[in-house]
Amino acid sequence: MKIGAFGVLHTTPPTTAVSLRHVRPRIRCFSSSGHVSFIKDVAATQPHEHLHYLLKILQTRGETIISPGSRQGLIPLVIPLSENLSGSLTALLRWPTATPGMEMPVVEVRKHGVWLLAKNVDQYIHRTLVEEDANNICGSNGELYDASSEAGKKLYRKGDFAESQVASLDSYILKKVGLFPDVLERKVMHHFEQGDYVSAMVTGEFYTKKDLFPGFGRPFVFYAEILQKVRHTSEAKDAARVALKSPWWTLGCAYQEVASIAQWEDEQIEYIKEKVTEEGRQEDLKKGKAPAQIALDEAAFLLDLASIEGTWAEVRERIAECYKEAGFNDIARFILYED
C-alpha cells in the first residue's frame, strides 16, 4: 500500500523479550489438541502436521506449554506455544492476509513485535535436533531427538553433523537446514571479527534478498547497521528506509532505532496517524481507493503504531473491526480472541 513519500508498507509477507508470567495461565501437562483445534477453529488455518512434536520438544527442553488463547498484551497475530524460564515466549505467526498454503513461521514474541526463529515448524525442529546432536560431545543424551519421534527421523539422521565434517555448526545449519536470521547475522559479525569486511558486506547484502524472509524488515535493519559500521552513512540511511516499508513489528528492534538510521524524525508516524483518522479515510475514498483496501491499510497502520510502544491491547478491537470491514471475518475473530 502506498504511503506518499515514505514508500510502501506490506501487510504480508535485539530488544528485551516480553515477560508474561503475570497475565497468562499455564498448561502444565503436555497436550497438542488444544493448539490444533485453536489453529483450525480460531486462527482459521491448517496446523502443521508436526506441531505435536514441536510442542513435545519444547516441553522436553523445559519450557512451559501455554494455552494458545493466552494472548493478553501480545501482538494479536501470534499463537502462543511455550514460555521458557526467562519469560521468553515462542509462538506461531498468523499472517492476516497469508496466501493459501503459506506456512506459519515460528517466532519469539518481543515488546515491539516478533523475531523470526524459523520459517516453519519443520525447519525449527530440524535445527533443534542438529544443535542437540552437535552438543552430544558435551553429554547430551538425545532427549529432544526422542521427543521428536517420527518427525525427527524424517528430518535428521543422528550423527550426520559429525560425519559431514563441515567446519562449524552455523555453516552446517545454513547448508543443510535452512536460513535463519540469527545465524546469518552471527556469520556477518564473525567476518568482521576476522577483518574480512568484503565477506561481511556480501553476506549482509545476501541477507536482504527479496524472497529469503518475505514480509520481515529485520534483514534491512541489520544491513543498515553494518553499513553504518563501515561508515557508509548514505547507504545505511537507504537500507533503513527500505526496512521501514515492512511492518514495523518485524524490525527486530524498536522503531526509533531504525528511524534514527533513516534520518527521520516523527514525520512518518504523524503521516500514518493522519491516515487512520476519518479525514484520512475520506481522502482515500475520494482518490478512488476501494473501501476494503482502506480498511486493510488502516489495520496495518494501527499495528505499526502499536509496535512503537507495544500497546497492542489499545488497538485490538479497532484492528478486528478493520478486518471485518474488509471481509476478513475469520481474521477479525482471531484478532479478538483471548482466554
C-alpha atoms as a PDB file:
ATOM      1  CA  MET A   1       0.000   0.000   0.000  1.00  0.00           C
ATOM      2  CA  LYS A   2       1.385   3.439  -0.877  1.00  0.00           C
ATOM      3  CA  ILE A   3       2.083   5.973   1.826  1.00  0.00           C
ATOM      4  CA  GLY A   4       3.196   9.022  -0.109  1.00  0.00           C
ATOM      5  CA  ALA A   5       6.853   9.906   0.061  1.00  0.00           C
ATOM      6  CA  PHE A   6       7.659   7.145   2.519  1.00  0.00           C
ATOM      7  CA  GLY A   7       7.253   4.144   0.215  1.00  0.00           C
ATOM      8  CA  VAL A   8       5.178   1.029   0.755  1.00  0.00           C
ATOM      9  CA  LEU A   9       4.018  -0.861   3.816  1.00  0.00           C
ATOM     10  CA  HIS A  10       3.370  -4.568   3.346  1.00  0.00           C
ATOM     11  CA  THR A  11       0.694  -6.458   5.261  1.00  0.00           C
ATOM     12  CA  THR A  12       2.052  -9.854   4.244  1.00  0.00           C
ATOM     13  CA  PRO A  13       4.947 -11.417   3.970  1.00  0.00           C
ATOM     14  CA  PRO A  14      17.554  -7.201  19.723  1.00  0.00           C
ATOM     15  CA  THR A  15      15.144  -5.956  22.199  1.00  0.00           C
ATOM     16  CA  THR A  16      14.092  -7.400  25.554  1.00  0.00           C
ATOM     17  CA  ALA A  17      11.724 -10.374  25.422  1.00  0.00           C
ATOM     18  CA  VAL A  18       8.332  -9.749  26.972  1.00  0.00           C
ATOM     19  CA  SER A  19       7.795 -11.322  30.371  1.00  0.00           C
ATOM     20  CA  LEU A  20       4.217 -12.521  30.505  1.00  0.00           C
ATOM     21  CA  ARG A  21       4.047 -14.519  33.701  1.00  0.00           C
ATOM     22  CA  HIS A  22       1.633 -12.143  35.380  1.00  0.00           C
ATOM     23  CA  VAL A  23      -1.022 -12.368  32.665  1.00  0.00           C
ATOM     24  CA  ARG A  24      -1.077 -15.933  31.346  1.00  0.00           C
ATOM     25  CA  PRO A  25      -2.396 -19.128  32.837  1.00  0.00           C
ATOM     26  CA  ARG A  26      -0.161 -22.150  32.205  1.00  0.00           C
ATOM     27  CA  ILE A  27      -0.900 -25.618  30.955  1.00  0.00           C
ATOM     28  CA  ARG A  28       1.415 -27.838  32.957  1.00  0.00           C
ATOM     29  CA  CYS A  29       0.613 -31.138  31.240  1.00  0.00           C
ATOM     30  CA  PHE A  30       1.539 -31.750  27.624  1.00  0.00           C
ATOM     31  CA  SER A  31      -1.286 -31.642  25.094  1.00  0.00           C
ATOM     32  CA  SER A  32      -1.331 -30.562  21.479  1.00  0.00           C
ATOM     33  CA  SER A  33      -5.047 -30.991  20.857  1.00  0.00           C
ATOM     34  CA  GLY A  34      -5.837 -27.512  22.165  1.00  0.00           C
ATOM     35  CA  HIS A  35      -3.365 -25.875  19.801  1.00  0.00           C
ATOM     36  CA  VAL A  36      -4.543 -27.918  16.823  1.00  0.00           C
ATOM     37  CA  SER A  37      -8.202 -27.052  17.384  1.00  0.00           C
ATOM     38  CA  PHE A  38      -7.351 -23.398  18.066  1.00  0.00           C
ATOM     39  CA  ILE A  39      -5.436 -23.104  14.794  1.00  0.00           C
ATOM     40  CA  LYS A  40      -8.281 -24.727  12.864  1.00  0.00           C
ATOM     41  CA  ASP A  41     -11.277 -23.146  14.556  1.00  0.00           C
ATOM     42  CA  VAL A  42     -10.000 -19.751  15.726  1.00  0.00           C
ATOM     43  CA  ALA A  43      -6.995 -18.901  13.556  1.00  0.00           C
ATOM     44  CA  ALA A  44      -8.861 -20.347  10.555  1.00  0.00           C
ATOM     45  CA  THR A  45      -5.877 -22.092   9.014  1.00  0.00           C
ATOM     46  CA  GLN A  46      -4.284 -25.525   8.927  1.00  0.00           C
ATOM     47  CA  PRO A  47      -1.906 -26.661  11.696  1.00  0.00           C
ATOM     48  CA  HIS A  48       1.403 -28.166  10.639  1.00  0.00           C
ATOM     49  CA  GLU A  49       1.412 -31.956  10.685  1.00  0.00           C
ATOM     50  CA  HIS A  50       4.397 -31.980  13.072  1.00  0.00           C
ATOM     51  CA  LEU A  51       3.094 -29.358  15.517  1.00  0.00           C
ATOM     52  CA  HIS A  52       2.539 -32.081  18.118  1.00  0.00           C
ATOM     53  CA  TYR A  53       6.235 -32.987  18.013  1.00  0.00           C
ATOM     54  CA  LEU A  54       7.338 -29.361  18.207  1.00  0.00           C
ATOM     55  CA  LEU A  55       5.301 -28.885  21.377  1.00  0.00           C
ATOM     56  CA  LYS A  56       6.751 -32.064  22.825  1.00  0.00           C
ATOM     57  CA  ILE A  57      10.286 -30.853  22.055  1.00  0.00           C
ATOM     58  CA  LEU A  58       9.608 -27.502  23.706  1.00  0.00           C
ATOM     59  CA  GLN A  59       8.271 -29.212  26.814  1.00  0.00           C
ATOM     60  CA  THR A  60      11.171 -31.684  26.932  1.00  0.00           C
ATOM     61  CA  ARG A  61      13.528 -28.711  26.751  1.00  0.00           C
ATOM     62  CA  GLY A  62      11.993 -27.447  29.980  1.00  0.00           C
ATOM     63  CA  GLU A  63       9.602 -24.875  28.589  1.00  0.00           C
ATOM     64  CA  THR A  64       6.024 -24.488  29.807  1.00  0.00           C
ATOM     65  CA  ILE A  65       3.353 -25.214  27.222  1.00  0.00           C
ATOM     66  CA  ILE A  66       0.752 -22.455  27.405  1.00  0.00           C
ATOM     67  CA  SER A  67      -2.758 -22.003  26.096  1.00  0.00           C
ATOM     68  CA  PRO A  68      -2.939 -20.710  22.502  1.00  0.00           C
ATOM     69  CA  GLY A  69      -5.575 -18.242  23.652  1.00  0.00           C
ATOM     70  CA  SER A  70      -3.363 -16.676  26.347  1.00  0.00           C
ATOM     71  CA  ARG A  71      -2.658 -13.616  24.260  1.00  0.00           C
ATOM     72  CA  GLN A  72      -3.314 -10.736  26.644  1.00  0.00           C
ATOM     73  CA  GLY A  73      -0.941  -7.874  25.914  1.00  0.00           C
ATOM     74  CA  LEU A  74       0.621  -9.611  22.909  1.00  0.00           C
ATOM     75  CA  ILE A  75       0.689  -8.590  19.273  1.00  0.00           C
ATOM     76  CA  PRO A  76      -2.665 -10.068  18.168  1.00  0.00           C
ATOM     77  CA  LEU A  77      -1.218 -12.053  15.259  1.00  0.00           C
ATOM     78  CA  VAL A  78       0.565 -14.709  17.330  1.00  0.00           C
ATOM     79  CA  ILE A  79      -0.483 -18.117  18.640  1.00  0.00           C
ATOM     80  CA  PRO A  80       1.495 -18.836  21.832  1.00  0.00           C
ATOM     81  CA  LEU A  81       3.191 -22.224  22.178  1.00  0.00           C
ATOM     82  CA  SER A  82       5.532 -22.113  25.176  1.00  0.00           C
ATOM     83  CA  GLU A  83       7.388 -19.947  27.675  1.00  0.00           C
ATOM     84  CA  ASN A  84      10.907 -20.567  28.958  1.00  0.00           C
ATOM     85  CA  LEU A  85      12.304 -19.797  32.397  1.00  0.00           C
ATOM     86  CA  SER A  86      13.457 -16.329  31.346  1.00  0.00           C
ATOM     87  CA  GLY A  87       9.929 -15.406  30.259  1.00  0.00           C
ATOM     88  CA  SER A  88      10.622 -15.609  26.517  1.00  0.00           C
ATOM     89  CA  LEU A  89       7.607 -16.730  24.517  1.00  0.00           C
ATOM     90  CA  THR A  90       7.731 -18.994  21.459  1.00  0.00           C
ATOM     91  CA  ALA A  91       4.735 -18.701  19.142  1.00  0.00           C
ATOM     92  CA  LEU A  92       3.406 -19.169  15.624  1.00  0.00           C
ATOM     93  CA  LEU A  93       2.744 -16.100  13.477  1.00  0.00           C
ATOM     94  CA  ARG A  94      -0.605 -15.935  11.686  1.00  0.00           C
ATOM     95  CA  TRP A  95      -0.139 -13.519   8.784  1.00  0.00           C
ATOM     96  CA  PRO A  96      -3.572 -11.862   8.382  1.00  0.00           C
ATOM     97  CA  THR A  97      -3.587 -11.945   4.582  1.00  0.00           C
ATOM     98  CA  ALA A  98      -1.495 -15.058   4.017  1.00  0.00           C
ATOM     99  CA  THR A  99      -1.673 -16.743   0.638  1.00  0.00           C
ATOM    100  CA  PRO A 100      -3.312 -20.206   0.591  1.00  0.00           C
ATOM    101  CA  GLY A 101      -0.896 -22.898   1.753  1.00  0.00           C
ATOM    102  CA  MET A 102       1.527 -20.440   3.342  1.00  0.00           C
ATOM    103  CA  GLU A 103       3.070 -21.995   6.450  1.00  0.00           C
ATOM    104  CA  MET A 104       3.099 -20.142   9.763  1.00  0.00           C
ATOM    105  CA  PRO A 105       6.584 -19.076  10.874  1.00  0.00           C
ATOM    106  CA  VAL A 106       7.891 -19.848  14.365  1.00  0.00           C
ATOM    107  CA  VAL A 107       8.674 -16.601  16.184  1.00  0.00           C
ATOM    108  CA  GLU A 108       9.790 -15.217  19.518  1.00  0.00           C
ATOM    109  CA  VAL A 109       7.415 -12.587  20.894  1.00  0.00           C
ATOM    110  CA  ARG A 110       9.037  -9.318  21.901  1.00  0.00           C
ATOM    111  CA  LYS A 111       7.741  -5.980  23.153  1.00  0.00           C
ATOM    112  CA  HIS A 112       7.901  -4.310  19.753  1.00  0.00           C
ATOM    113  CA  GLY A 113       6.731  -7.305  17.728  1.00  0.00           C
ATOM    114  CA  VAL A 114       8.304 -10.613  16.763  1.00  0.00           C
ATOM    115  CA  TRP A 115      11.693 -12.122  15.947  1.00  0.00           C
ATOM    116  CA  LEU A 116      11.734 -14.836  13.283  1.00  0.00           C
ATOM    117  CA  LEU A 117      13.057 -18.133  14.677  1.00  0.00           C
ATOM    118  CA  ALA A 118      12.250 -20.366  11.696  1.00  0.00           C
ATOM    119  CA  LYS A 119      10.196 -20.167   8.529  1.00  0.00           C
ATOM    120  CA  ASN A 120       8.110 -23.176   9.555  1.00  0.00           C
ATOM    121  CA  VAL A 121       7.720 -25.922  12.150  1.00  0.00           C
ATOM    122  CA  ASP A 122       9.894 -28.488  10.361  1.00  0.00           C
ATOM    123  CA  GLN A 123      12.781 -26.068   9.989  1.00  0.00           C
ATOM    124  CA  TYR A 124      12.659 -25.261  13.695  1.00  0.00           C
ATOM    125  CA  ILE A 125      12.594 -28.951  14.662  1.00  0.00           C
ATOM    126  CA  HIS A 126      15.414 -29.785  12.248  1.00  0.00           C
ATOM    127  CA  ARG A 127      17.688 -27.081  13.621  1.00  0.00           C
ATOM    128  CA  THR A 128      16.944 -28.080  17.215  1.00  0.00           C
ATOM    129  CA  LEU A 129      17.933 -31.679  16.518  1.00  0.00           C
ATOM    130  CA  VAL A 130      21.150 -30.691  14.750  1.00  0.00           C
ATOM    131  CA  GLU A 131      22.154 -28.461  17.661  1.00  0.00           C
ATOM    132  CA  GLU A 132      21.425 -31.208  20.164  1.00  0.00           C
ATOM    133  CA  ASP A 133      23.463 -33.684  18.127  1.00  0.00           C
ATOM    134  CA  ALA A 134      26.342 -31.224  17.830  1.00  0.00           C
ATOM    135  CA  ASN A 135      26.340 -30.852  21.602  1.00  0.00           C
ATOM    136  CA  ASN A 136      26.324 -34.604  22.118  1.00  0.00           C
ATOM    137  CA  ILE A 137      30.072 -34.433  22.698  1.00  0.00           C
ATOM    138  CA  CYS A 138      29.282 -32.369  25.790  1.00  0.00           C
ATOM    139  CA  GLY A 139      26.981 -35.003  27.223  1.00  0.00           C
ATOM    140  CA  SER A 140      23.596 -34.514  25.547  1.00  0.00           C
ATOM    141  CA  ASN A 141      21.523 -37.670  25.879  1.00  0.00           C
ATOM    142  CA  GLY A 142      19.308 -37.218  22.823  1.00  0.00           C
ATOM    143  CA  GLU A 143      16.123 -36.400  24.729  1.00  0.00           C
ATOM    144  CA  LEU A 144      14.965 -33.920  22.121  1.00  0.00           C
ATOM    145  CA  TYR A 145      15.546 -36.379  19.292  1.00  0.00           C
ATOM    146  CA  ASP A 146      13.484 -38.961  21.178  1.00  0.00           C
ATOM    147  CA  ALA A 147      10.737 -36.390  21.740  1.00  0.00           C
ATOM    148  CA  SER A 148      10.673 -35.556  18.025  1.00  0.00           C
ATOM    149  CA  SER A 149       9.758 -39.176  17.227  1.00  0.00           C
ATOM    150  CA  GLU A 150       8.613 -39.697  13.619  1.00  0.00           C
ATOM    151  CA  ALA A 151       9.231 -36.071  12.675  1.00  0.00           C
ATOM    152  CA  GLY A 152      12.838 -36.265  13.825  1.00  0.00           C
ATOM    153  CA  LYS A 153      13.518 -39.413  11.837  1.00  0.00           C
ATOM    154  CA  LYS A 154      12.201 -37.723   8.694  1.00  0.00           C
ATOM    155  CA  LEU A 155      14.187 -34.545   9.172  1.00  0.00           C
ATOM    156  CA  TYR A 156      17.575 -35.586  10.544  1.00  0.00           C
ATOM    157  CA  ARG A 157      19.825 -38.621  10.912  1.00  0.00           C
ATOM    158  CA  LYS A 158      21.751 -38.635  14.186  1.00  0.00           C
ATOM    159  CA  GLY A 159      25.478 -38.305  13.660  1.00  0.00           C
ATOM    160  CA  ASP A 160      25.214 -36.555  10.309  1.00  0.00           C
ATOM    161  CA  PHE A 161      26.716 -33.323  11.617  1.00  0.00           C
ATOM    162  CA  ALA A 162      29.908 -35.050  12.779  1.00  0.00           C
ATOM    163  CA  GLU A 163      30.127 -37.166   9.630  1.00  0.00           C
ATOM    164  CA  SER A 164      29.696 -34.130   7.374  1.00  0.00           C
ATOM    165  CA  GLN A 165      32.974 -32.625   8.626  1.00  0.00           C
ATOM    166  CA  VAL A 166      31.518 -29.173   7.940  1.00  0.00           C
ATOM    167  CA  ALA A 167      33.736 -26.576   9.591  1.00  0.00           C
ATOM    168  CA  SER A 168      31.190 -25.187  12.045  1.00  0.00           C
ATOM    169  CA  LEU A 169      27.683 -25.744  13.367  1.00  0.00           C
ATOM    170  CA  ASP A 170      26.453 -22.484  11.821  1.00  0.00           C
ATOM    171  CA  SER A 171      27.832 -23.482   8.422  1.00  0.00           C
ATOM    172  CA  TYR A 172      26.105 -26.867   8.655  1.00  0.00           C
ATOM    173  CA  ILE A 173      22.797 -25.247   9.597  1.00  0.00           C
ATOM    174  CA  LEU A 174      22.938 -22.815   6.673  1.00  0.00           C
ATOM    175  CA  LYS A 175      23.930 -25.568   4.251  1.00  0.00           C
ATOM    176  CA  LYS A 176      21.762 -28.458   5.431  1.00  0.00           C
ATOM    177  CA  VAL A 177      18.846 -26.992   7.402  1.00  0.00           C
ATOM    178  CA  GLY A 178      17.990 -23.555   6.073  1.00  0.00           C
ATOM    179  CA  LEU A 179      18.484 -19.834   6.503  1.00  0.00           C
ATOM    180  CA  PHE A 180      17.939 -18.249   9.921  1.00  0.00           C
ATOM    181  CA  PRO A 181      18.272 -14.545  10.775  1.00  0.00           C
ATOM    182  CA  ASP A 182      20.381 -15.074  13.894  1.00  0.00           C
ATOM    183  CA  VAL A 183      22.783 -17.451  12.128  1.00  0.00           C
ATOM    184  CA  LEU A 184      23.269 -15.115   9.156  1.00  0.00           C
ATOM    185  CA  GLU A 185      23.834 -12.157  11.462  1.00  0.00           C
ATOM    186  CA  ARG A 186      26.348 -14.131  13.502  1.00  0.00           C
ATOM    187  CA  LYS A 187      28.132 -15.099  10.280  1.00  0.00           C
ATOM    188  CA  VAL A 188      28.426 -11.459   9.267  1.00  0.00           C
ATOM    189  CA  MET A 189      29.812 -10.444  12.654  1.00  0.00           C
ATOM    190  CA  HIS A 190      32.306 -13.322  12.522  1.00  0.00           C
ATOM    191  CA  HIS A 191      33.600 -11.972   9.213  1.00  0.00           C
ATOM    192  CA  PHE A 192      34.007  -8.544  10.826  1.00  0.00           C
ATOM    193  CA  GLU A 193      35.902 -10.059  13.742  1.00  0.00           C
ATOM    194  CA  GLN A 194      38.234 -11.761  11.262  1.00  0.00           C
ATOM    195  CA  GLY A 195      38.785  -8.451   9.469  1.00  0.00           C
ATOM    196  CA  ASP A 196      37.125  -9.772   6.310  1.00  0.00           C
ATOM    197  CA  TYR A 197      34.927  -6.765   5.543  1.00  0.00           C
ATOM    198  CA  VAL A 198      34.219  -7.839   1.971  1.00  0.00           C
ATOM    199  CA  SER A 199      32.690 -11.163   3.034  1.00  0.00           C
ATOM    200  CA  ALA A 200      30.788  -9.402   5.803  1.00  0.00           C
ATOM    201  CA  MET A 201      29.188  -6.969   3.366  1.00  0.00           C
ATOM    202  CA  VAL A 202      28.449  -9.657   0.780  1.00  0.00           C
ATOM    203  CA  THR A 203      26.720 -11.834   3.381  1.00  0.00           C
ATOM    204  CA  GLY A 204      24.840  -8.835   4.751  1.00  0.00           C
ATOM    205  CA  GLU A 205      23.552  -7.934   1.310  1.00  0.00           C
ATOM    206  CA  PHE A 206      22.605 -11.571   0.664  1.00  0.00           C
ATOM    207  CA  TYR A 207      20.530 -11.491   3.868  1.00  0.00           C
ATOM    208  CA  THR A 208      18.288  -8.851   2.262  1.00  0.00           C
ATOM    209  CA  LYS A 209      17.479 -10.852  -0.870  1.00  0.00           C
ATOM    210  CA  LYS A 210      13.849 -10.413  -1.833  1.00  0.00           C
ATOM    211  CA  ASP A 211      12.398 -13.839  -1.185  1.00  0.00           C
ATOM    212  CA  LEU A 212      14.505 -15.107   1.734  1.00  0.00           C
ATOM    213  CA  PHE A 213      12.379 -13.661   4.546  1.00  0.00           C
ATOM    214  CA  PRO A 214       9.299 -12.151   2.874  1.00  0.00           C
ATOM    215  CA  GLY A 215       7.392  -9.650   4.969  1.00  0.00           C
ATOM    216  CA  PHE A 216      10.178  -9.164   7.524  1.00  0.00           C
ATOM    217  CA  GLY A 217      12.065  -5.883   7.839  1.00  0.00           C
ATOM    218  CA  ARG A 218      14.818  -7.250  10.076  1.00  0.00           C
ATOM    219  CA  PRO A 219      17.306  -8.107   7.277  1.00  0.00           C
ATOM    220  CA  PHE A 220      17.348  -4.493   6.086  1.00  0.00           C
ATOM    221  CA  VAL A 221      17.692  -3.201   9.647  1.00  0.00           C
ATOM    222  CA  PHE A 222      20.773  -5.352  10.166  1.00  0.00           C
ATOM    223  CA  TYR A 223      22.203  -4.401   6.773  1.00  0.00           C
ATOM    224  CA  ALA A 224      21.722  -0.741   7.672  1.00  0.00           C
ATOM    225  CA  GLU A 225      23.579  -1.328  10.930  1.00  0.00           C
ATOM    226  CA  ILE A 226      26.587  -2.927   9.242  1.00  0.00           C
ATOM    227  CA  LEU A 227      26.654  -0.198   6.596  1.00  0.00           C
ATOM    228  CA  GLN A 228      26.857   2.271   9.461  1.00  0.00           C
ATOM    229  CA  LYS A 229      29.651   0.197  10.939  1.00  0.00           C
ATOM    230  CA  VAL A 230      31.769   0.755   7.826  1.00  0.00           C
ATOM    231  CA  ARG A 231      30.680   4.412   7.680  1.00  0.00           C
ATOM    232  CA  HIS A 232      28.549   4.124   4.550  1.00  0.00           C
ATOM    233  CA  THR A 233      26.045   6.560   6.050  1.00  0.00           C
ATOM    234  CA  SER A 234      24.044   7.300   2.904  1.00  0.00           C
ATOM    235  CA  GLU A 235      23.613   3.619   2.025  1.00  0.00           C
ATOM    236  CA  ALA A 236      22.698   2.850   5.651  1.00  0.00           C
ATOM    237  CA  LYS A 237      20.009   5.523   5.521  1.00  0.00           C
ATOM    238  CA  ASP A 238      18.543   3.981   2.357  1.00  0.00           C
ATOM    239  CA  ALA A 239      18.556   0.458   3.833  1.00  0.00           C
ATOM    240  CA  ALA A 240      16.802   1.689   6.982  1.00  0.00           C
ATOM    241  CA  ARG A 241      14.121   3.380   4.895  1.00  0.00           C
ATOM    242  CA  VAL A 242      13.578   0.143   2.998  1.00  0.00           C
ATOM    243  CA  ALA A 243      13.223  -1.665   6.339  1.00  0.00           C
ATOM    244  CA  LEU A 244      10.513   0.789   7.382  1.00  0.00           C
ATOM    245  CA  LYS A 245       8.457  -0.175   4.331  1.00  0.00           C
ATOM    246  CA  SER A 246       7.927  -3.544   6.055  1.00  0.00           C
ATOM    247  CA  PRO A 247       5.628  -3.939   9.072  1.00  0.00           C
ATOM    248  CA  TRP A 248       7.349  -2.197  11.959  1.00  0.00           C
ATOM    249  CA  TRP A 249       6.674  -5.166  14.217  1.00  0.00           C
ATOM    250  CA  THR A 250       9.081  -7.222  12.050  1.00  0.00           C
ATOM    251  CA  LEU A 251      12.103  -4.924  12.531  1.00  0.00           C
ATOM    252  CA  GLY A 252      13.508  -6.968  15.424  1.00  0.00           C
ATOM    253  CA  CYS A 253      14.070  -3.787  17.442  1.00  0.00           C
ATOM    254  CA  ALA A 254      12.370  -0.531  18.391  1.00  0.00           C
ATOM    255  CA  TYR A 255      11.099   1.654  15.552  1.00  0.00           C
ATOM    256  CA  GLN A 256      13.094   4.610  16.880  1.00  0.00           C
ATOM    257  CA  GLU A 257      16.399   2.788  16.363  1.00  0.00           C
ATOM    258  CA  VAL A 258      15.667   2.315  12.665  1.00  0.00           C
ATOM    259  CA  ALA A 259      14.185   5.784  12.189  1.00  0.00           C
ATOM    260  CA  SER A 260      17.387   7.230  13.586  1.00  0.00           C
ATOM    261  CA  ILE A 261      19.474   5.471  10.919  1.00  0.00           C
ATOM    262  CA  ALA A 262      16.912   6.505   8.286  1.00  0.00           C
ATOM    263  CA  GLN A 263      17.345  10.111   9.489  1.00  0.00           C
ATOM    264  CA  TRP A 264      13.617  10.546  10.017  1.00  0.00           C
ATOM    265  CA  GLU A 265      12.134  12.444  12.905  1.00  0.00           C
ATOM    266  CA  ASP A 266       8.431  11.817  13.580  1.00  0.00           C
ATOM    267  CA  GLU A 267       7.114  12.656  10.124  1.00  0.00           C
ATOM    268  CA  GLN A 268       6.266   9.081   9.177  1.00  0.00           C
ATOM    269  CA  ILE A 269       4.479   8.477  12.475  1.00  0.00           C
ATOM    270  CA  GLU A 270       2.459  11.675  12.027  1.00  0.00           C
ATOM    271  CA  TYR A 271       1.644  10.752   8.445  1.00  0.00           C
ATOM    272  CA  ILE A 272       0.283   7.350   9.479  1.00  0.00           C
ATOM    273  CA  LYS A 273      -1.669   8.858  12.363  1.00  0.00           C
ATOM    274  CA  GLU A 274      -3.366  11.121   9.847  1.00  0.00           C
ATOM    275  CA  LYS A 275      -4.164   8.159   7.585  1.00  0.00           C
ATOM    276  CA  VAL A 276      -6.169   6.395  10.317  1.00  0.00           C
ATOM    277  CA  THR A 277      -8.392   9.409  11.012  1.00  0.00           C
ATOM    278  CA  GLU A 278     -11.821   9.817   9.457  1.00  0.00           C
ATOM    279  CA  GLU A 279     -10.418  12.633   7.327  1.00  0.00           C
ATOM    280  CA  GLY A 280      -7.675  10.354   6.062  1.00  0.00           C
ATOM    281  CA  ARG A 281     -10.156   7.632   5.151  1.00  0.00           C
ATOM    282  CA  GLN A 282     -12.394  10.097   3.329  1.00  0.00           C
ATOM    283  CA  GLU A 283      -9.422  11.407   1.383  1.00  0.00           C
ATOM    284  CA  ASP A 284      -8.557   7.877   0.237  1.00  0.00           C
ATOM    285  CA  LEU A 285     -12.186   7.302  -0.814  1.00  0.00           C
ATOM    286  CA  LYS A 286     -12.119  10.487  -2.895  1.00  0.00           C
ATOM    287  CA  LYS A 287      -8.970   9.197  -4.593  1.00  0.00           C
ATOM    288  CA  GLY A 288     -10.878   6.078  -5.625  1.00  0.00           C
ATOM    289  CA  LYS A 289      -9.341   3.569  -3.251  1.00  0.00           C
ATOM    290  CA  ALA A 290     -11.637   0.622  -2.504  1.00  0.00           C
ATOM    291  CA  PRO A 291     -13.191   0.646   0.990  1.00  0.00           C
ATOM    292  CA  ALA A 292     -11.884  -2.873   1.679  1.00  0.00           C
ATOM    293  CA  GLN A 293      -8.333  -1.779   0.854  1.00  0.00           C
ATOM    294  CA  ILE A 294      -8.670   1.289   3.039  1.00  0.00           C
ATOM    295  CA  ALA A 295      -9.717  -0.956   5.936  1.00  0.00           C
ATOM    296  CA  LEU A 296      -6.769  -3.314   5.373  1.00  0.00           C
ATOM    297  CA  ASP A 297      -4.388  -0.362   5.211  1.00  0.00           C
ATOM    298  CA  GLU A 298      -5.767   1.010   8.468  1.00  0.00           C
ATOM    299  CA  ALA A 299      -5.289  -2.340  10.214  1.00  0.00           C
ATOM    300  CA  ALA A 300      -1.654  -2.426   9.068  1.00  0.00           C
ATOM    301  CA  PHE A 301      -1.095   1.189  10.141  1.00  0.00           C
ATOM    302  CA  LEU A 302      -2.579   0.525  13.582  1.00  0.00           C
ATOM    303  CA  LEU A 303      -0.302  -2.485  14.071  1.00  0.00           C
ATOM    304  CA  ASP A 304       2.683  -0.339  13.114  1.00  0.00           C
ATOM    305  CA  LEU A 305       1.731   2.427  15.539  1.00  0.00           C
ATOM    306  CA  ALA A 306       1.107  -0.069  18.354  1.00  0.00           C
ATOM    307  CA  SER A 307       4.557  -1.604  17.798  1.00  0.00           C
ATOM    308  CA  ILE A 308       6.278   1.636  18.794  1.00  0.00           C
ATOM    309  CA  GLU A 309       5.459   1.153  22.478  1.00  0.00           C
ATOM    310  CA  GLY A 310       3.942  -2.340  22.403  1.00  0.00           C
ATOM    311  CA  THR A 311       0.436  -1.008  23.075  1.00  0.00           C
ATOM    312  CA  TRP A 312      -1.360  -3.880  21.317  1.00  0.00           C
ATOM    313  CA  ALA A 313      -4.347  -4.048  23.665  1.00  0.00           C
ATOM    314  CA  GLU A 314      -5.327  -0.460  22.897  1.00  0.00           C
ATOM    315  CA  VAL A 315      -5.934  -1.130  19.200  1.00  0.00           C
ATOM    316  CA  ARG A 316      -7.009  -4.788  19.157  1.00  0.00           C
ATOM    317  CA  GLU A 317     -10.735  -4.069  18.784  1.00  0.00           C
ATOM    318  CA  ARG A 318     -10.304  -1.459  16.047  1.00  0.00           C
ATOM    319  CA  ILE A 319      -7.939  -3.725  14.114  1.00  0.00           C
ATOM    320  CA  ALA A 320     -10.543  -6.504  14.267  1.00  0.00           C
ATOM    321  CA  GLU A 321     -13.197  -4.078  13.004  1.00  0.00           C
ATOM    322  CA  CYS A 322     -10.949  -3.161  10.073  1.00  0.00           C
ATOM    323  CA  TYR A 323     -10.555  -6.785   9.027  1.00  0.00           C
ATOM    324  CA  LYS A 324     -14.290  -7.292   9.371  1.00  0.00           C
ATOM    325  CA  GLU A 325     -14.945  -4.248   7.164  1.00  0.00           C
ATOM    326  CA  ALA A 326     -12.547  -5.716   4.606  1.00  0.00           C
ATOM    327  CA  GLY A 327     -14.432  -9.023   4.578  1.00  0.00           C
ATOM    328  CA  PHE A 328     -11.894 -10.983   6.654  1.00  0.00           C
ATOM    329  CA  ASN A 329     -14.353 -12.135   9.309  1.00  0.00           C
ATOM    330  CA  ASP A 330     -12.252 -15.133  10.371  1.00  0.00           C
ATOM    331  CA  ILE A 331      -9.215 -12.932  10.962  1.00  0.00           C
ATOM    332  CA  ALA A 332     -11.352 -10.443  12.915  1.00  0.00           C
ATOM    333  CA  ARG A 333     -12.500 -13.207  15.267  1.00  0.00           C
ATOM    334  CA  PHE A 334      -8.922 -14.460  15.651  1.00  0.00           C
ATOM    335  CA  ILE A 335      -7.656 -10.955  16.464  1.00  0.00           C
ATOM    336  CA  LEU A 336     -10.239 -10.575  19.240  1.00  0.00           C
ATOM    337  CA  TYR A 337      -9.873 -13.996  20.821  1.00  0.00           C
ATOM    338  CA  GLU A 338      -8.347 -14.197  24.301  1.00  0.00           C
ATOM    339  CA  ASP A 339      -8.746 -16.741  27.106  1.00  0.00           C
END
